[in-house]
PDB file of N, CA and C in Angstrom:
ATOM      1  N   MET A   1      39.672 -64.162 118.093  1.00  0.00           N
ATOM      2  CA  MET A   1      38.243 -64.102 118.331  1.00  0.00           C
ATOM      3  C   MET A   1      37.546 -65.028 117.350  1.00  0.00           C
ATOM      4  N   CYS A   2      36.606 -65.790 117.804  1.00  0.00           N
ATOM      5  CA  CYS A   2      35.825 -66.673 116.942  1.00  0.00           C
ATOM      6  C   CYS A   2      34.577 -65.930 116.484  1.00  0.00           C
ATOM      7  N   LEU A   3      34.384 -65.904 115.176  1.00  0.00           N
ATOM      8  CA  LEU A   3      33.241 -65.189 114.621  1.00  0.00           C
ATOM      9  C   LEU A   3      32.444 -66.087 113.693  1.00  0.00           C
ATOM     10  N   GLY A   4      31.156 -65.858 113.659  1.00  0.00           N
ATOM     11  CA  GLY A   4      30.319 -66.428 112.630  1.00  0.00           C
ATOM     12  C   GLY A   4      30.120 -65.356 111.576  1.00  0.00           C
ATOM     13  N   VAL A   5      30.401 -65.690 110.335  1.00  0.00           N
ATOM     14  CA  VAL A   5      30.357 -64.712 109.248  1.00  0.00           C
ATOM     15  C   VAL A   5      29.164 -65.018 108.342  1.00  0.00           C
ATOM     16  N   PRO A   6      28.373 -63.998 107.977  1.00  0.00           N
ATOM     17  CA  PRO A   6      27.239 -64.240 107.086  1.00  0.00           C
ATOM     18  C   PRO A   6      27.687 -64.419 105.642  1.00  0.00           C
ATOM     19  N   GLY A   7      27.009 -65.302 104.937  1.00  0.00           N
ATOM     20  CA  GLY A   7      27.292 -65.516 103.526  1.00  0.00           C
ATOM     21  C   GLY A   7      26.057 -66.002 102.805  1.00  0.00           C
ATOM     22  N   LYS A   8      26.067 -65.837 101.493  1.00  0.00           N
ATOM     23  CA  LYS A   8      24.931 -66.223 100.647  1.00  0.00           C
ATOM     24  C   LYS A   8      25.207 -67.587 100.016  1.00  0.00           C
ATOM     25  N   VAL A   9      24.266 -68.500 100.153  1.00  0.00           N
ATOM     26  CA  VAL A   9      24.398 -69.838  99.581  1.00  0.00           C
ATOM     27  C   VAL A   9      24.214 -69.741  98.065  1.00  0.00           C
ATOM     28  N   VAL A  10      25.237 -70.183  97.318  1.00  0.00           N
ATOM     29  CA  VAL A  10      25.173 -70.107  95.858  1.00  0.00           C
ATOM     30  C   VAL A  10      25.116 -71.486  95.197  1.00  0.00           C
ATOM     31  N   GLU A  11      25.378 -72.534  95.982  1.00  0.00           N
ATOM     32  CA  GLU A  11      25.314 -73.895  95.436  1.00  0.00           C
ATOM     33  C   GLU A  11      25.066 -74.857  96.590  1.00  0.00           C
ATOM     34  N   ILE A  12      24.251 -75.873  96.341  1.00  0.00           N
ATOM     35  CA  ILE A  12      23.990 -76.918  97.332  1.00  0.00           C
ATOM     36  C   ILE A  12      24.151 -78.266  96.636  1.00  0.00           C
ATOM     37  N   ARG A  13      24.820 -79.189  97.329  1.00  0.00           N
ATOM     38  CA  ARG A  13      24.973 -80.540  96.794  1.00  0.00           C
ATOM     39  C   ARG A  13      25.113 -81.515  97.954  1.00  0.00           C
ATOM     40  N   THR A  14      25.015 -82.782  97.661  1.00  0.00           N
ATOM     41  CA  THR A  14      25.235 -83.838  98.636  1.00  0.00           C
ATOM     42  C   THR A  14      26.548 -84.510  98.286  1.00  0.00           C
ATOM     43  N   ASP A  15      27.455 -84.641  99.266  1.00  0.00           N
ATOM     44  CA  ASP A  15      28.750 -85.253  98.976  1.00  0.00           C
ATOM     45  C   ASP A  15      28.634 -86.780  98.978  1.00  0.00           C
ATOM     46  N   ALA A  16      29.744 -87.462  98.745  1.00  0.00           N
ATOM     47  CA  ALA A  16      29.761 -88.916  98.631  1.00  0.00           C
ATOM     48  C   ALA A  16      29.305 -89.611  99.909  1.00  0.00           C
ATOM     49  N   LEU A  17      29.405 -88.953 101.055  1.00  0.00           N
ATOM     50  CA  LEU A  17      28.990 -89.538 102.332  1.00  0.00           C
ATOM     51  C   LEU A  17      27.542 -89.186 102.695  1.00  0.00           C
ATOM     52  N   GLY A  18      26.849 -88.452 101.813  1.00  0.00           N
ATOM     53  CA  GLY A  18      25.470 -88.071 102.058  1.00  0.00           C
ATOM     54  C   GLY A  18      25.311 -86.788 102.859  1.00  0.00           C
ATOM     55  N   MET A  19      26.405 -86.048 103.032  1.00  0.00           N
ATOM     56  CA  MET A  19      26.391 -84.801 103.806  1.00  0.00           C
ATOM     57  C   MET A  19      26.008 -83.637 102.894  1.00  0.00           C
ATOM     58  N   ASN A  20      25.119 -82.749 103.388  1.00  0.00           N
ATOM     59  CA  ASN A  20      24.776 -81.547 102.627  1.00  0.00           C
ATOM     60  C   ASN A  20      25.950 -80.577 102.674  1.00  0.00           C
ATOM     61  N   MET A  21      26.440 -80.207 101.513  1.00  0.00           N
ATOM     62  CA  MET A  21      27.548 -79.278 101.373  1.00  0.00           C
ATOM     63  C   MET A  21      27.122 -78.189 100.396  1.00  0.00           C
ATOM     64  N   GLY A  22      27.869 -77.105 100.364  1.00  0.00           N
ATOM     65  CA  GLY A  22      27.544 -76.064  99.409  1.00  0.00           C
ATOM     66  C   GLY A  22      28.643 -75.042  99.292  1.00  0.00           C
ATOM     67  N   LYS A  23      28.442 -74.146  98.367  1.00  0.00           N
ATOM     68  CA  LYS A  23      29.347 -73.015  98.209  1.00  0.00           C
ATOM     69  C   LYS A  23      28.619 -71.786  98.717  1.00  0.00           C
ATOM     70  N   VAL A  24      29.335 -70.998  99.516  1.00  0.00           N
ATOM     71  CA  VAL A  24      28.769 -69.804 100.123  1.00  0.00           C
ATOM     72  C   VAL A  24      29.642 -68.625  99.745  1.00  0.00           C
ATOM     73  N   SER A  25      29.008 -67.541  99.305  1.00  0.00           N
ATOM     74  CA  SER A  25      29.716 -66.330  98.907  1.00  0.00           C
ATOM     75  C   SER A  25      29.731 -65.334 100.057  1.00  0.00           C
ATOM     76  N   PHE A  26      30.931 -64.890 100.399  1.00  0.00           N
ATOM     77  CA  PHE A  26      31.131 -63.882 101.428  1.00  0.00           C
ATOM     78  C   PHE A  26      31.604 -62.612 100.728  1.00  0.00           C
ATOM     79  N   GLY A  27      30.676 -61.839 100.214  1.00  0.00           N
ATOM     80  CA  GLY A  27      31.035 -60.616  99.515  1.00  0.00           C
ATOM     81  C   GLY A  27      31.888 -60.862  98.283  1.00  0.00           C
ATOM     82  N   GLY A  28      31.671 -61.978  97.610  1.00  0.00           N
ATOM     83  CA  GLY A  28      32.412 -62.300  96.399  1.00  0.00           C
ATOM     84  C   GLY A  28      33.462 -63.380  96.580  1.00  0.00           C
ATOM     85  N   VAL A  29      33.874 -63.649  97.800  1.00  0.00           N
ATOM     86  CA  VAL A  29      34.811 -64.731  98.084  1.00  0.00           C
ATOM     87  C   VAL A  29      33.981 -65.975  98.374  1.00  0.00           C
ATOM     88  N   VAL A  30      34.140 -67.022  97.548  1.00  0.00           N
ATOM     89  CA  VAL A  30      33.316 -68.220  97.664  1.00  0.00           C
ATOM     90  C   VAL A  30      34.107 -69.320  98.368  1.00  0.00           C
ATOM     91  N   LYS A  31      33.476 -69.925  99.371  1.00  0.00           N
ATOM     92  CA  LYS A  31      34.093 -70.993 100.151  1.00  0.00           C
ATOM     93  C   LYS A  31      33.174 -72.201 100.201  1.00  0.00           C
ATOM     94  N   GLU A  32      33.773 -73.380 100.331  1.00  0.00           N
ATOM     95  CA  GLU A  32      33.046 -74.622 100.540  1.00  0.00           C
ATOM     96  C   GLU A  32      32.618 -74.691 102.004  1.00  0.00           C
ATOM     97  N   VAL A  33      31.338 -75.005 102.252  1.00  0.00           N
ATOM     98  CA  VAL A  33      30.780 -74.978 103.607  1.00  0.00           C
ATOM     99  C   VAL A  33      29.910 -76.218 103.822  1.00  0.00           C
ATOM    100  N   CYS A  34      29.971 -76.767 105.018  1.00  0.00           N
ATOM    101  CA  CYS A  34      29.077 -77.860 105.409  1.00  0.00           C
ATOM    102  C   CYS A  34      27.726 -77.259 105.787  1.00  0.00           C
ATOM    103  N   LEU A  35      26.660 -77.768 105.185  1.00  0.00           N
ATOM    104  CA  LEU A  35      25.311 -77.267 105.432  1.00  0.00           C
ATOM    105  C   LEU A  35      24.473 -78.230 106.272  1.00  0.00           C
ATOM    106  N   ALA A  36      25.103 -79.195 106.916  1.00  0.00           N
ATOM    107  CA  ALA A  36      24.382 -80.228 107.667  1.00  0.00           C
ATOM    108  C   ALA A  36      23.502 -79.655 108.767  1.00  0.00           C
ATOM    109  N   TYR A  37      23.926 -78.572 109.402  1.00  0.00           N
ATOM    110  CA  TYR A  37      23.153 -77.982 110.500  1.00  0.00           C
ATOM    111  C   TYR A  37      22.036 -77.057 110.012  1.00  0.00           C
ATOM    112  N   THR A  38      22.028 -76.762 108.725  1.00  0.00           N
ATOM    113  CA  THR A  38      21.006 -75.890 108.135  1.00  0.00           C
ATOM    114  C   THR A  38      20.393 -76.594 106.924  1.00  0.00           C
ATOM    115  N   SER A  39      19.935 -77.796 107.130  1.00  0.00           N
ATOM    116  CA  SER A  39      19.492 -78.653 106.032  1.00  0.00           C
ATOM    117  C   SER A  39      18.323 -78.094 105.219  1.00  0.00           C
ATOM    118  N   ASP A  40      17.578 -77.133 105.774  1.00  0.00           N
ATOM    119  CA  ASP A  40      16.446 -76.568 105.042  1.00  0.00           C
ATOM    120  C   ASP A  40      16.812 -75.318 104.238  1.00  0.00           C
ATOM    121  N   VAL A  41      18.069 -74.894 104.266  1.00  0.00           N
ATOM    122  CA  VAL A  41      18.483 -73.687 103.552  1.00  0.00           C
ATOM    123  C   VAL A  41      18.388 -73.907 102.038  1.00  0.00           C
ATOM    124  N   GLN A  42      18.064 -72.847 101.320  1.00  0.00           N
ATOM    125  CA  GLN A  42      17.924 -72.889  99.866  1.00  0.00           C
ATOM    126  C   GLN A  42      18.940 -71.956  99.221  1.00  0.00           C
ATOM    127  N   ILE A  43      19.243 -72.199  97.953  1.00  0.00           N
ATOM    128  CA  ILE A  43      20.125 -71.311  97.190  1.00  0.00           C
ATOM    129  C   ILE A  43      19.535 -69.910  97.229  1.00  0.00           C
ATOM    130  N   GLY A  44      20.401 -68.929  97.484  1.00  0.00           N
ATOM    131  CA  GLY A  44      19.978 -67.535  97.560  1.00  0.00           C
ATOM    132  C   GLY A  44      19.718 -67.061  98.975  1.00  0.00           C
ATOM    133  N   GLU A  45      19.611 -67.980  99.926  1.00  0.00           N
ATOM    134  CA  GLU A  45      19.420 -67.606 101.321  1.00  0.00           C
ATOM    135  C   GLU A  45      20.772 -67.383 101.987  1.00  0.00           C
ATOM    136  N   TYR A  46      20.743 -66.792 103.162  1.00  0.00           N
ATOM    137  CA  TYR A  46      21.963 -66.455 103.886  1.00  0.00           C
ATOM    138  C   TYR A  46      22.114 -67.328 105.121  1.00  0.00           C
ATOM    139  N   VAL A  47      23.367 -67.655 105.433  1.00  0.00           N
ATOM    140  CA  VAL A  47      23.696 -68.456 106.607  1.00  0.00           C
ATOM    141  C   VAL A  47      24.820 -67.777 107.380  1.00  0.00           C
ATOM    142  N   ILE A  48      24.918 -68.120 108.657  1.00  0.00           N
ATOM    143  CA  ILE A  48      26.062 -67.717 109.470  1.00  0.00           C
ATOM    144  C   ILE A  48      27.018 -68.900 109.471  1.00  0.00           C
ATOM    145  N   VAL A  49      28.279 -68.667 109.105  1.00  0.00           N
ATOM    146  CA  VAL A  49      29.274 -69.735 108.985  1.00  0.00           C
ATOM    147  C   VAL A  49      30.357 -69.536 110.034  1.00  0.00           C
ATOM    148  N   HIS A  50      30.662 -70.630 110.732  1.00  0.00           N
ATOM    149  CA  HIS A  50      31.737 -70.638 111.730  1.00  0.00           C
ATOM    150  C   HIS A  50      32.605 -71.859 111.447  1.00  0.00           C
ATOM    151  N   VAL A  51      33.888 -71.645 111.249  1.00  0.00           N
ATOM    152  CA  VAL A  51      34.888 -72.679 110.939  1.00  0.00           C
ATOM    153  C   VAL A  51      34.401 -73.704 109.914  1.00  0.00           C
ATOM    154  N   GLY A  52      33.813 -73.222 108.829  1.00  0.00           N
ATOM    155  CA  GLY A  52      33.415 -74.079 107.727  1.00  0.00           C
ATOM    156  C   GLY A  52      32.050 -74.733 107.845  1.00  0.00           C
ATOM    157  N   PHE A  53      31.310 -74.426 108.912  1.00  0.00           N
ATOM    158  CA  PHE A  53      29.982 -74.989 109.118  1.00  0.00           C
ATOM    159  C   PHE A  53      28.944 -73.874 109.159  1.00  0.00           C
ATOM    160  N   ALA A  54      27.881 -74.020 108.376  1.00  0.00           N
ATOM    161  CA  ALA A  54      26.749 -73.095 108.485  1.00  0.00           C
ATOM    162  C   ALA A  54      26.004 -73.481 109.756  1.00  0.00           C
ATOM    163  N   ILE A  55      25.902 -72.539 110.695  1.00  0.00           N
ATOM    164  CA  ILE A  55      25.314 -72.871 111.995  1.00  0.00           C
ATOM    165  C   ILE A  55      23.893 -72.337 112.169  1.00  0.00           C
ATOM    166  N   SER A  56      23.482 -71.404 111.307  1.00  0.00           N
ATOM    167  CA  SER A  56      22.105 -70.907 111.345  1.00  0.00           C
ATOM    168  C   SER A  56      21.819 -70.115 110.082  1.00  0.00           C
ATOM    169  N   THR A  57      20.537 -69.874 109.847  1.00  0.00           N
ATOM    170  CA  THR A  57      20.146 -69.034 108.717  1.00  0.00           C
ATOM    171  C   THR A  57      19.932 -67.615 109.230  1.00  0.00           C
ATOM    172  N   ILE A  58      19.956 -66.663 108.304  1.00  0.00           N
ATOM    173  CA  ILE A  58      19.803 -65.250 108.643  1.00  0.00           C
ATOM    174  C   ILE A  58      19.159 -64.569 107.440  1.00  0.00           C
ATOM    175  N   ASP A  59      18.373 -63.516 107.670  1.00  0.00           N
ATOM    176  CA  ASP A  59      17.766 -62.835 106.525  1.00  0.00           C
ATOM    177  C   ASP A  59      18.787 -61.898 105.874  1.00  0.00           C
ATOM    178  N   GLU A  60      18.514 -61.514 104.630  1.00  0.00           N
ATOM    179  CA  GLU A  60      19.450 -60.739 103.830  1.00  0.00           C
ATOM    180  C   GLU A  60      19.804 -59.394 104.465  1.00  0.00           C
ATOM    181  N   GLU A  61      18.825 -58.711 105.018  1.00  0.00           N
ATOM    182  CA  GLU A  61      19.085 -57.401 105.617  1.00  0.00           C
ATOM    183  C   GLU A  61      20.043 -57.517 106.806  1.00  0.00           C
ATOM    184  N   GLU A  62      19.783 -58.463 107.681  1.00  0.00           N
ATOM    185  CA  GLU A  62      20.645 -58.654 108.852  1.00  0.00           C
ATOM    186  C   GLU A  62      22.044 -59.108 108.424  1.00  0.00           C
ATOM    187  N   ALA A  63      22.123 -59.974 107.408  1.00  0.00           N
ATOM    188  CA  ALA A  63      23.422 -60.420 106.898  1.00  0.00           C
ATOM    189  C   ALA A  63      24.239 -59.230 106.406  1.00  0.00           C
ATOM    190  N   GLY A  64      23.610 -58.311 105.703  1.00  0.00           N
ATOM    191  CA  GLY A  64      24.301 -57.119 105.212  1.00  0.00           C
ATOM    192  C   GLY A  64      24.831 -56.261 106.333  1.00  0.00           C
ATOM    193  N   LYS A  65      24.043 -56.105 107.380  1.00  0.00           N
ATOM    194  CA  LYS A  65      24.476 -55.301 108.535  1.00  0.00           C
ATOM    195  C   LYS A  65      25.678 -55.938 109.228  1.00  0.00           C
ATOM    196  N   VAL A  66      25.607 -57.238 109.454  1.00  0.00           N
ATOM    197  CA  VAL A  66      26.706 -57.940 110.129  1.00  0.00           C
ATOM    198  C   VAL A  66      27.963 -57.916 109.269  1.00  0.00           C
ATOM    199  N   PHE A  67      27.814 -58.158 107.965  1.00  0.00           N
ATOM    200  CA  PHE A  67      28.963 -58.176 107.063  1.00  0.00           C
ATOM    201  C   PHE A  67      29.657 -56.814 107.045  1.00  0.00           C
ATOM    202  N   GLU A  68      28.887 -55.745 107.012  1.00  0.00           N
ATOM    203  CA  GLU A  68      29.469 -54.402 107.010  1.00  0.00           C
ATOM    204  C   GLU A  68      30.187 -54.123 108.324  1.00  0.00           C
ATOM    205  N   LEU A  69      29.614 -54.527 109.432  1.00  0.00           N
ATOM    206  CA  LEU A  69      30.263 -54.349 110.729  1.00  0.00           C
ATOM    207  C   LEU A  69      31.584 -55.104 110.790  1.00  0.00           C
ATOM    208  N   LEU A  70      31.603 -56.343 110.298  1.00  0.00           N
ATOM    209  CA  LEU A  70      32.845 -57.122 110.287  1.00  0.00           C
ATOM    210  C   LEU A  70      33.891 -56.475 109.385  1.00  0.00           C
ATOM    211  N   ARG A  71      33.443 -55.925 108.257  1.00  0.00           N
ATOM    212  CA  ARG A  71      34.370 -55.242 107.346  1.00  0.00           C
ATOM    213  C   ARG A  71      34.988 -54.031 108.053  1.00  0.00           C
ATOM    214  N   GLN A  72      34.180 -53.259 108.765  1.00  0.00           N
ATOM    215  CA  GLN A  72      34.691 -52.092 109.485  1.00  0.00           C
ATOM    216  C   GLN A  72      35.672 -52.484 110.586  1.00  0.00           C
ATOM    217  N   MET A  73      35.444 -53.637 111.194  1.00  0.00           N
ATOM    218  CA  MET A  73      36.322 -54.109 112.262  1.00  0.00           C
ATOM    219  C   MET A  73      37.602 -54.740 111.729  1.00  0.00           C
ATOM    220  N   GLY A  74      37.684 -54.948 110.415  1.00  0.00           N
ATOM    221  CA  GLY A  74      38.857 -55.580 109.831  1.00  0.00           C
ATOM    222  C   GLY A  74      38.920 -57.073 110.078  1.00  0.00           C
ATOM    223  N   GLU A  75      37.778 -57.706 110.261  1.00  0.00           N
ATOM    224  CA  GLU A  75      37.731 -59.129 110.584  1.00  0.00           C
ATOM    225  C   GLU A  75      37.506 -60.019 109.364  1.00  0.00           C
ATOM    226  N   LEU A  76      37.589 -59.473 108.158  1.00  0.00           N
ATOM    227  CA  LEU A  76      37.284 -60.269 106.969  1.00  0.00           C
ATOM    228  C   LEU A  76      38.512 -60.651 106.147  1.00  0.00           C
ATOM    229  N   GLU A  77      39.704 -60.218 106.538  1.00  0.00           N
ATOM    230  CA  GLU A  77      40.896 -60.490 105.749  1.00  0.00           C
ATOM    231  C   GLU A  77      41.145 -61.983 105.557  1.00  0.00           C
ATOM    232  N   GLU A  78      40.834 -62.793 106.567  1.00  0.00           N
ATOM    233  CA  GLU A  78      41.092 -64.219 106.476  1.00  0.00           C
ATOM    234  C   GLU A  78      40.262 -64.901 105.399  1.00  0.00           C
ATOM    235  N   LEU A  79      39.196 -64.279 104.935  1.00  0.00           N
ATOM    236  CA  LEU A  79      38.390 -64.863 103.866  1.00  0.00           C
ATOM    237  C   LEU A  79      39.115 -64.868 102.538  1.00  0.00           C
ATOM    238  N   ASP A  80      40.158 -64.089 102.381  1.00  0.00           N
ATOM    239  CA  ASP A  80      40.879 -64.005 101.121  1.00  0.00           C
ATOM    240  C   ASP A  80      41.925 -65.103 100.957  1.00  0.00           C
ATOM    241  N   VAL A  81      42.034 -66.015 101.908  1.00  0.00           N
ATOM    242  CA  VAL A  81      42.980 -67.123 101.804  1.00  0.00           C
ATOM    243  C   VAL A  81      42.484 -68.088 100.749  1.00  0.00           C
ATOM    244  N   PRO A  82      43.327 -68.404  99.732  1.00  0.00           N
ATOM    245  CA  PRO A  82      42.881 -69.314  98.669  1.00  0.00           C
ATOM    246  C   PRO A  82      42.582 -70.701  99.218  1.00  0.00           C
ATOM    247  N   GLN A  83      41.605 -71.386  98.617  1.00  0.00           N
ATOM    248  CA  GLN A  83      41.282 -72.741  99.001  1.00  0.00           C
ATOM    249  C   GLN A  83      41.772 -73.702  97.935  1.00  0.00           C
ATOM    250  N   ILE A  84      42.098 -74.909  98.351  1.00  0.00           N
ATOM    251  CA  ILE A  84      42.477 -75.965  97.417  1.00  0.00           C
ATOM    252  C   ILE A  84      41.188 -76.579  96.874  1.00  0.00           C
ATOM    253  N   GLU A  85      41.073 -76.659  95.561  1.00  0.00           N
ATOM    254  CA  GLU A  85      39.895 -77.250  94.938  1.00  0.00           C
ATOM    255  C   GLU A  85      39.975 -78.766  95.051  1.00  0.00           C
ATOM    256  N   THR A  86      38.846 -79.382  95.369  1.00  0.00           N
ATOM    257  CA  THR A  86      38.807 -80.851  95.473  1.00  0.00           C
ATOM    258  C   THR A  86      37.967 -81.449  94.384  1.00  0.00           C
TER     259      THR A  86
END
């Protein structure tokens, strides 16, 4: 099943190609995410992430509800896969 997972933006930067990138926290697990589709997002705001791309913004309350539902469904285990630092 393909899911968009809510996460909190904790860092925003522009990469060498001029693409907006950032770090997003998913309940404490931080992943590198492309922010090109949500260029107006700010640190501390929440986004929905699908396959490494933030596809929309979401408010904190709704993000919490979705995250808890995904946790209950057991759909968050894949977030614990370590990432290679670049």
